[in-house]
Protein backbone atom coordinates (compact mmCIF):
# COMPACT_ATOMS: atom_id res chain seq x y z
CA MET A 1 -13.12 17.84 -5.01
CA TYR A 2 -11.89 14.36 -5.90
CA ALA A 3 -12.50 10.84 -4.61
CA ALA A 4 -10.34 7.72 -4.92
CA ILE A 5 -10.98 4.12 -3.93
CA ASP A 6 -8.24 1.51 -3.58
CA ILE A 7 -9.35 -2.13 -3.58
CA GLY A 8 -6.34 -3.91 -2.13
CA THR A 9 -5.59 -7.51 -1.26
CA ASN A 10 -6.04 -6.86 2.46
CA THR A 11 -7.67 -3.44 2.77
CA VAL A 12 -10.24 -1.34 0.92
CA ARG A 13 -9.77 2.42 1.27
CA LEU A 14 -11.58 5.62 0.36
CA LEU A 15 -10.13 9.13 0.18
CA ILE A 16 -12.11 12.27 -0.59
CA GLY A 17 -10.03 15.42 -0.85
CA LYS A 18 -8.98 18.47 -2.80
CA ILE A 19 -5.74 19.66 -4.35
CA GLU A 20 -4.24 23.01 -3.36
CA ASP A 21 -0.95 24.18 -4.86
CA GLY A 22 -0.11 20.64 -5.86
CA HIS A 23 -0.75 19.23 -2.37
CA VAL A 24 -3.44 16.77 -1.33
CA ILE A 25 -5.80 18.07 1.37
CA PRO A 26 -7.67 15.05 2.80
CA LEU A 27 -11.30 15.74 3.70
CA ARG A 28 -12.55 12.24 4.42
CA TYR A 29 -10.72 8.94 4.79
CA GLU A 30 -12.18 5.51 5.44
CA ARG A 31 -10.70 2.04 5.40
CA ALA A 32 -11.80 -1.51 6.12
CA ILE A 33 -9.85 -4.76 6.22
CA THR A 34 -11.83 -7.20 4.06
CA ARG A 35 -8.93 -9.45 2.97
CA LEU A 36 -10.20 -9.76 -0.57
CA GLY A 37 -7.14 -11.80 -1.51
CA GLY A 38 -7.54 -14.21 1.41
CA CYS A 39 -8.17 -17.87 0.54
CA ARG A 40 -7.62 -17.10 -3.15
CA THR A 41 -6.74 -20.14 -5.28
CA PRO A 42 -5.14 -20.31 -8.75
CA HIS A 43 -8.09 -22.18 -10.26
CA GLN A 44 -11.11 -20.66 -8.50
CA GLY A 45 -9.69 -17.18 -7.93
CA LEU A 46 -11.15 -14.84 -5.34
CA ASP A 47 -13.05 -16.44 -2.48
CA ARG A 48 -16.82 -15.80 -2.49
CA ALA A 49 -17.00 -14.73 1.15
CA SER A 50 -14.06 -12.35 0.66
CA MET A 51 -15.78 -10.80 -2.34
CA GLU A 52 -19.03 -10.34 -0.42
CA ARG A 53 -17.22 -8.62 2.46
CA THR A 54 -15.53 -6.29 0.00
CA LEU A 55 -18.72 -5.56 -1.93
CA ALA A 56 -20.49 -4.59 1.30
CA VAL A 57 -17.77 -2.04 2.09
CA LEU A 58 -17.71 -0.71 -1.47
CA MET A 59 -21.45 -0.11 -1.28
CA THR A 60 -20.93 2.18 1.73
CA PHE A 61 -18.04 3.93 -0.02
CA ALA A 62 -20.15 4.57 -3.12
CA GLN A 63 -22.85 6.10 -0.91
CA ALA A 64 -20.28 8.28 0.86
CA VAL A 65 -18.96 9.60 -2.46
CA GLU A 66 -22.49 10.35 -3.68
CA MET A 67 -23.38 12.18 -0.46
CA SER A 68 -20.18 14.23 -0.63
CA GLY A 69 -21.23 15.75 -3.93
CA CYS A 70 -17.91 14.75 -5.47
CA THR A 71 -18.20 14.29 -9.24
CA THR A 72 -14.67 13.10 -10.03
CA LEU A 73 -13.94 9.56 -8.86
CA ARG A 74 -11.41 6.92 -9.76
CA ALA A 75 -11.56 3.44 -8.24
CA VAL A 76 -8.74 0.95 -8.77
CA ALA A 77 -8.07 -2.68 -7.96
CA THR A 78 -4.59 -4.07 -7.47
CA GLU A 79 -2.87 -7.46 -7.25
CA ALA A 80 -5.66 -9.58 -5.76
CA VAL A 81 -7.99 -8.70 -8.63
CA ARG A 82 -5.50 -8.41 -11.48
CA SER A 83 -4.08 -11.90 -10.87
CA ALA A 84 -7.36 -13.71 -10.11
CA VAL A 85 -9.06 -15.81 -12.79
CA ASN A 86 -12.39 -14.33 -11.70
CA GLY A 87 -11.10 -10.77 -11.31
CA ALA A 88 -13.13 -9.50 -14.25
CA GLN A 89 -16.29 -11.07 -12.82
CA PHE A 90 -15.66 -9.35 -9.50
CA VAL A 91 -15.27 -6.01 -11.25
CA SER A 92 -18.57 -6.62 -13.05
CA SER A 93 -20.25 -7.37 -9.72
CA VAL A 94 -18.94 -4.11 -8.27
CA SER A 95 -20.31 -2.19 -11.24
CA ARG A 96 -23.70 -3.89 -11.08
CA ARG A 97 -24.23 -3.76 -7.33
CA CYS A 98 -22.34 -0.62 -6.30
CA GLY A 99 -22.41 1.49 -9.45
CA LEU A 100 -18.62 1.85 -9.42
CA ASP A 101 -16.39 1.53 -12.48
CA ILE A 102 -13.21 -0.24 -11.42
CA ASP A 103 -9.88 0.11 -13.19
CA ILE A 104 -7.59 -2.91 -12.72
CA VAL A 105 -4.22 -1.15 -12.66
CA SER A 106 -0.97 -2.78 -13.67
CA GLY A 107 1.77 -3.22 -11.12
CA ILE A 108 3.86 -0.54 -12.83
CA ASN A 109 1.00 1.97 -12.87
CA GLU A 110 0.34 1.21 -9.22
CA ALA A 111 4.00 1.85 -8.46
CA GLN A 112 4.03 5.19 -10.28
CA LEU A 113 0.86 6.39 -8.54
CA SER A 114 2.22 5.35 -5.13
CA ALA A 115 5.47 7.20 -5.81
CA SER A 116 3.59 10.36 -6.75
CA GLY A 117 1.55 10.26 -3.55
CA ALA A 118 4.49 9.43 -1.28
CA LEU A 119 6.84 12.08 -2.68
CA SER A 120 4.17 14.76 -2.31
CA VAL A 121 4.70 14.74 1.48
CA ILE A 122 8.38 13.92 1.94
CA GLN A 123 10.26 17.04 3.05
CA PRO A 124 12.65 17.92 1.60
CA THR A 125 12.30 16.02 -1.67
CA PRO A 126 15.33 13.69 -1.87
CA LYS A 127 17.68 13.94 -4.84
CA HIS A 128 17.48 10.15 -5.17
CA SER A 129 14.87 7.94 -3.54
CA LEU A 130 13.78 4.32 -3.50
CA ILE A 131 10.12 3.96 -2.57
CA ILE A 132 8.74 0.69 -1.20
CA ASP A 133 5.03 -0.10 -1.21
CA ILE A 134 4.28 -3.42 0.51
CA GLY A 135 0.74 -4.53 -0.18
CA GLY A 136 -1.20 -7.65 0.64
CA GLY A 137 -0.60 -9.26 -2.74
CA SER A 138 2.36 -7.47 -4.26
CA THR A 139 5.30 -5.23 -3.47
CA GLU A 140 6.29 -2.27 -5.62
CA LEU A 141 9.69 -0.59 -5.72
CA ILE A 142 10.20 2.73 -7.47
CA TYR A 143 13.50 4.51 -8.00
CA CYS A 144 13.14 8.27 -8.47
CA HIS A 145 15.41 11.18 -9.30
CA ALA A 146 13.75 14.09 -7.51
CA LYS A 147 10.08 13.49 -8.44
CA THR A 148 10.77 11.75 -11.73
CA VAL A 149 10.29 7.97 -11.82
CA MET A 150 13.38 6.37 -13.35
CA LEU A 151 12.58 2.69 -12.70
CA ALA A 152 9.47 0.96 -11.34
CA LYS A 153 9.05 -2.74 -10.60
CA SER A 154 6.21 -4.80 -9.19
CA TYR A 155 6.75 -8.18 -7.51
CA PRO A 156 4.01 -10.74 -6.77
CA ILE A 157 4.97 -11.05 -3.12
CA GLY A 158 2.83 -9.45 -0.42
CA ALA A 159 1.98 -9.76 3.25
CA VAL A 160 -1.25 -11.74 2.77
CA GLY A 161 0.08 -14.03 0.06
CA LEU A 162 3.26 -14.77 2.01
CA TYR A 163 1.32 -15.36 5.24
CA GLU A 164 -0.92 -17.94 3.56
CA ILE A 165 2.07 -20.06 2.52
CA ILE A 166 2.02 -22.61 5.32
CA ASP A 167 5.32 -24.32 4.47
CA ASP A 168 8.20 -22.38 6.09
CA ALA A 169 10.72 -23.62 3.53
CA GLU A 170 8.56 -22.40 0.65
CA ARG A 171 8.08 -19.01 2.30
CA ARG A 172 11.83 -18.61 2.77
CA HIS A 173 12.34 -19.68 -0.86
CA ARG A 174 9.93 -16.97 -2.08
CA GLN A 175 11.71 -14.38 0.06
CA ALA A 176 15.11 -15.44 -1.31
CA LEU A 177 13.86 -15.20 -4.91
CA PHE A 178 12.50 -11.73 -4.16
CA ALA A 179 15.87 -10.61 -2.78
CA GLU A 180 17.68 -12.01 -5.84
CA GLU A 181 15.31 -10.19 -8.21
CA LEU A 182 15.89 -6.92 -6.34
CA ALA A 183 19.65 -7.30 -6.66
CA THR A 184 19.34 -7.91 -10.41
CA ASP A 185 16.67 -5.32 -11.24
CA PHE A 186 18.31 -2.49 -9.32
CA ALA A 187 21.96 -3.39 -9.95
CA ASP A 188 22.57 -0.09 -11.74
CA LEU A 189 20.92 2.08 -9.08
CA LYS A 190 22.44 5.56 -9.16
CA GLY A 191 23.07 7.66 -6.09
CA GLY A 192 24.55 5.05 -3.76
CA ASP A 193 24.57 6.29 -0.18
CA ASP A 194 22.56 9.36 -1.23
CA VAL A 195 19.48 7.25 -2.03
CA THR A 196 16.74 7.83 0.57
CA LEU A 197 14.67 4.77 1.43
CA ILE A 198 10.96 5.71 1.63
CA GLY A 199 8.21 3.35 2.77
CA THR A 200 4.46 3.57 2.30
CA ALA A 201 1.31 1.41 2.76
CA GLY A 202 -0.05 -0.65 5.65
CA THR A 203 2.89 -2.70 6.90
CA ILE A 204 5.23 0.27 7.03
CA THR A 205 2.79 2.84 8.41
CA THR A 206 1.79 0.29 11.07
CA VAL A 207 5.43 -0.12 12.08
CA ALA A 208 5.72 3.65 12.38
CA ALA A 209 2.53 3.95 14.43
CA ALA A 210 3.62 1.12 16.73
CA LEU A 211 7.10 2.57 17.26
CA MET A 212 5.46 5.87 18.21
CA LYS A 213 2.97 3.95 20.41
CA MET A 214 0.00 5.71 18.83
CA THR A 215 -3.29 5.04 20.55
CA GLU A 216 -5.02 7.03 17.81
CA TYR A 217 -3.56 7.02 14.32
CA ASP A 218 -2.29 10.41 13.15
CA TRP A 219 -1.16 10.51 9.52
CA LYS A 220 0.51 13.88 10.01
CA ARG A 221 2.92 12.38 12.55
CA VAL A 222 3.53 9.33 10.37
CA ASN A 223 4.58 11.41 7.36
CA ASN A 224 8.37 11.91 7.49
CA PHE A 225 8.80 9.68 10.57
CA ARG A 226 12.08 7.79 10.46
CA PHE A 227 13.04 4.45 11.93
CA SER A 228 16.18 2.33 11.81
CA ILE A 229 16.74 -1.29 10.82
CA ASN A 230 17.61 -1.99 14.47
CA GLN A 231 14.25 -0.63 15.62
CA LEU A 232 12.53 -2.70 12.96
CA ASN A 233 14.35 -5.89 13.98
CA ASP A 234 13.57 -5.31 17.67
CA PHE A 235 9.88 -4.81 16.88
CA TYR A 236 9.85 -7.98 14.76
CA GLU A 237 11.34 -9.95 17.67
CA GLN A 238 8.70 -8.50 19.99
CA LEU A 239 5.90 -9.58 17.64
CA SER A 240 7.31 -13.10 17.34
CA LEU A 241 6.74 -13.63 21.06
CA LEU A 242 3.10 -12.53 20.97
CA SER A 243 -0.16 -14.08 19.81
CA VAL A 244 -2.22 -12.37 17.11
CA VAL A 245 -4.57 -10.91 19.72
CA GLU A 246 -1.64 -9.64 21.81
CA ARG A 247 -0.09 -8.01 18.75
CA GLU A 248 -3.34 -6.20 17.97
CA ASN A 249 -3.48 -4.93 21.52
CA LEU A 250 -0.23 -3.06 20.97
CA PRO A 251 -0.64 0.69 20.38
CA GLY A 252 -0.56 1.39 16.65
CA VAL A 253 -1.51 -2.11 15.45
CA GLU A 254 -5.04 -2.28 14.07
CA THR A 255 -7.37 -5.25 14.37
CA GLY A 256 -7.05 -7.50 11.33
CA ARG A 257 -3.33 -6.91 10.78
CA GLY A 258 -1.77 -8.87 13.63
CA ASP A 259 -1.41 -12.12 11.68
CA ILE A 260 0.21 -10.70 8.53
CA LEU A 261 2.36 -7.97 10.11
CA PRO A 262 5.44 -10.16 10.83
CA VAL A 263 5.64 -11.47 7.26
CA GLY A 264 5.17 -7.94 5.93
CA ILE A 265 8.15 -6.93 8.06
CA GLU A 266 10.14 -9.85 6.64
CA ILE A 267 9.62 -8.40 3.14
CA LEU A 268 10.75 -5.01 4.42
CA GLN A 269 13.83 -6.52 6.06
CA ALA A 270 14.76 -8.09 2.73
CA VAL A 271 14.61 -4.64 1.11
CA PHE A 272 16.78 -3.09 3.83
CA HIS A 273 19.41 -5.77 3.39
CA ALA A 274 19.29 -5.83 -0.42
CA PHE A 275 20.20 -2.13 -0.56
CA ALA A 276 22.41 -2.05 2.56
CA LYS A 277 20.26 0.66 4.15
CA THR A 278 19.98 1.37 7.87
CA GLU A 279 17.11 3.90 7.97
CA MET A 280 13.73 4.47 6.35
CA THR A 281 11.53 7.57 5.99
CA VAL A 282 7.78 6.90 6.13
CA ALA A 283 5.03 8.35 3.95
CA ASP A 284 1.42 7.81 4.98
CA PHE A 285 0.46 9.12 1.54
CA GLY A 286 0.71 6.75 -1.41
CA LEU A 287 -1.62 5.21 -3.99
CA LEU A 288 -4.81 7.05 -3.00
CA GLU A 289 -3.13 10.43 -2.95
CA GLY A 290 -1.40 9.62 -6.23
CA LEU A 291 -4.81 8.96 -7.73
CA LEU A 292 -6.12 12.34 -6.55
CA LEU A 293 -3.07 14.10 -7.98
CA SER A 294 -3.48 12.31 -11.31
CA MET A 295 -7.12 13.35 -11.53
CA ALA A 296 -6.24 16.96 -10.76
CA ASP A 297 -3.59 16.92 -13.50
CA ARG A 298 -6.16 15.80 -16.04
CA SER A 299 -8.94 18.12 -14.89
CA PRO A 300 -9.67 21.29 -16.90
CA ALA A 301 -11.26 22.77 -13.79
CA ARG A 302 -9.47 24.67 -11.09
CA SER A 303 -7.60 22.36 -8.69
CA GLU A 304 -9.51 23.56 -5.65
CA ASP A 305 -12.91 22.71 -7.14
């Protein structure tokens, strides 16, 4: 049995599960929106209140892992921590107060782990795929041939960071730069029309849940769900007419995501347009599941243990 913790810019997540025949079998999943990357500044780094909220959740996660009897755990931190001047101090606080050893993963490693998790549930496995992971602080794109990563890129643009840019002109400028980088980095993308666009992480799974009008989130239904750019644009227009509270009252939209969801969709729209795609396949699985698979690959014990 394996456990993984993902300390993200917006959300902290725990997955306890096992691996059977190369597939992740989730046994326990928990998540909490703590917005660790909220109110972060270049000079002071992570906000104290945000760190305290996150530490409180991590304490409960550490207890859950201990009670589960799981002996193999990997906890990672992503963009909010890796780019903060006090990221190392936060990691030390987590170790001291929660007893958790945190690995600050690079953007490329994050991308590769997310790709592994996402492709483990997409049926059938596409010959060529482009996987998009939109986080709170960064966005990863991974081009794969079958299940082999051919190119992985991480961009410091995410739903929380973009939302906290008050100036509309600056936000549009960041989005334009992102689109230009995509065009340059993936200019030699092979596969053309045969490339399947796959989306994972909170913004995209929330879109899927909302389009299906889920009153109770069901990851099994989200995996392999497809939506079109027209559906995405219509949903974006709907959100633009609603307050944050009204957005979070929509089926499928969780409390704590209503403010950042539209800007997360703007990042996704840029990806759709950059690659001239009209449809996306959704994977609920991603970084956490990739972590479990990586631990199973390294373990000398039987995968079902």
